[in-house]
Protein backbone atom coordinates (compact mmCIF):
# COMPACT_ATOMS: atom_id res chain seq x y z
CA UNK A 1 25.18 36.57 18.05
CA UNK A 2 22.23 33.93 18.22
CA UNK A 3 22.89 30.94 16.86
CA UNK A 4 19.59 29.14 15.08
CA UNK A 5 18.30 25.65 16.27
CA UNK A 6 18.13 23.71 13.44
CA UNK A 7 15.09 21.72 14.77
CA UNK A 8 13.34 24.41 16.49
CA UNK A 9 9.96 24.83 14.77
CA UNK A 10 10.28 21.90 12.55
CA UNK A 11 7.17 20.01 14.00
CA UNK A 12 4.97 23.06 14.12
CA UNK A 13 5.61 23.77 10.70
CA UNK A 14 5.33 20.21 9.25
CA UNK A 15 2.07 19.94 10.75
CA UNK A 16 0.81 23.61 9.36
CA UNK A 17 2.03 22.01 5.90
CA UNK A 18 0.30 18.57 6.16
CA UNK A 19 -2.97 21.04 7.08
CA UNK A 20 -2.75 23.02 4.48
CA UNK A 21 -2.05 20.61 1.87
CA UNK A 22 -3.72 17.55 3.21
CA UNK A 23 -0.85 15.12 3.08
CA UNK A 24 -2.04 13.35 6.22
CA UNK A 25 -5.36 12.25 4.27
CA UNK A 26 -3.06 11.48 1.22
CA UNK A 27 -0.98 9.21 3.47
CA UNK A 28 -3.79 7.50 4.91
CA UNK A 29 -5.26 6.49 1.08
CA UNK A 30 -1.80 5.37 0.16
CA UNK A 31 -1.16 3.01 3.27
CA UNK A 32 -5.18 1.77 3.01
CA UNK A 33 -4.42 0.98 -0.47
CA UNK A 34 -1.30 -0.86 0.24
CA UNK A 35 -2.73 -2.79 3.13
CA UNK A 36 -5.83 -3.99 0.68
CA UNK A 37 -2.93 -4.79 -1.52
CA UNK A 38 -0.30 -6.69 0.60
CA UNK A 39 -3.03 -8.32 2.88
CA UNK A 40 -5.97 -9.33 0.22
CA UNK A 41 -4.32 -9.58 -3.14
CA UNK A 42 -0.86 -10.64 -3.53
CA UNK A 43 0.33 -14.25 -2.96
CA UNK A 44 3.21 -15.25 -1.09
CA UNK A 45 5.64 -17.90 -1.67
CA UNK A 46 6.43 -18.44 1.68
CA UNK A 47 2.87 -19.74 2.34
CA UNK A 48 2.09 -21.61 -0.79
CA UNK A 49 1.19 -18.81 -3.54
CA UNK A 50 -2.04 -17.85 -0.78
CA UNK A 51 -2.27 -14.15 0.36
CA UNK A 52 -2.51 -13.74 3.81
CA UNK A 53 -6.12 -13.12 3.85
CA UNK A 54 -6.50 -16.66 2.36
CA UNK A 55 -4.23 -18.15 4.80
CA UNK A 56 -5.41 -16.88 7.79
CA UNK A 57 -9.14 -17.91 6.63
CA UNK A 58 -8.58 -21.22 5.31
CA UNK A 59 -9.32 -20.45 1.76
CA UNK A 60 -7.44 -21.90 -0.87
CA UNK A 61 -6.50 -20.74 -4.38
CA UNK A 62 -6.44 -22.75 -7.67
CA UNK A 63 -3.74 -22.57 -10.61
CA UNK A 64 -4.79 -19.83 -13.22
CA UNK A 65 -3.35 -19.26 -16.47
CA UNK A 66 -1.74 -15.80 -16.81
CA UNK A 67 -2.73 -15.75 -20.80
CA UNK A 68 -6.28 -15.45 -19.48
CA UNK A 69 -6.01 -12.27 -17.71
CA UNK A 70 -4.88 -8.56 -17.93
CA UNK A 71 -3.17 -6.76 -15.08
CA UNK A 72 -4.88 -4.37 -12.63
CA UNK A 73 -3.08 -1.99 -11.05
CA UNK A 74 -2.31 -1.36 -7.09
CA UNK A 75 -1.13 1.64 -5.31
CA UNK A 76 -0.78 4.25 -7.77
CA UNK A 77 0.69 1.56 -10.57
CA UNK A 78 3.19 0.50 -7.92
CA UNK A 79 1.84 -3.14 -7.88
CA UNK A 80 0.20 -5.09 -10.84
CA UNK A 81 -1.68 -8.12 -10.16
CA UNK A 82 -3.90 -10.03 -13.03
CA UNK A 83 -7.49 -9.89 -13.27
CA UNK A 84 -9.77 -11.70 -15.58
CA UNK A 85 -10.09 -10.19 -18.91
């Protein structure tokens, strides 16, 4: 009796599904959105409240009052950051 190999064909089937439904492009968009948020928008306690982009570029940020801002959604609403109202 022939036994089934549970790993046979999975990569090929996964590639066909990705190609059929465009999952690779969707993942690329999500990763780019997260990269932008992570490097350019968020502040980080370990680097004095600066974003990684600001720290690497030598830019400084000032303290803001959050009541003067509304929240902007990032990464399909996974993260929210204040923006000028």
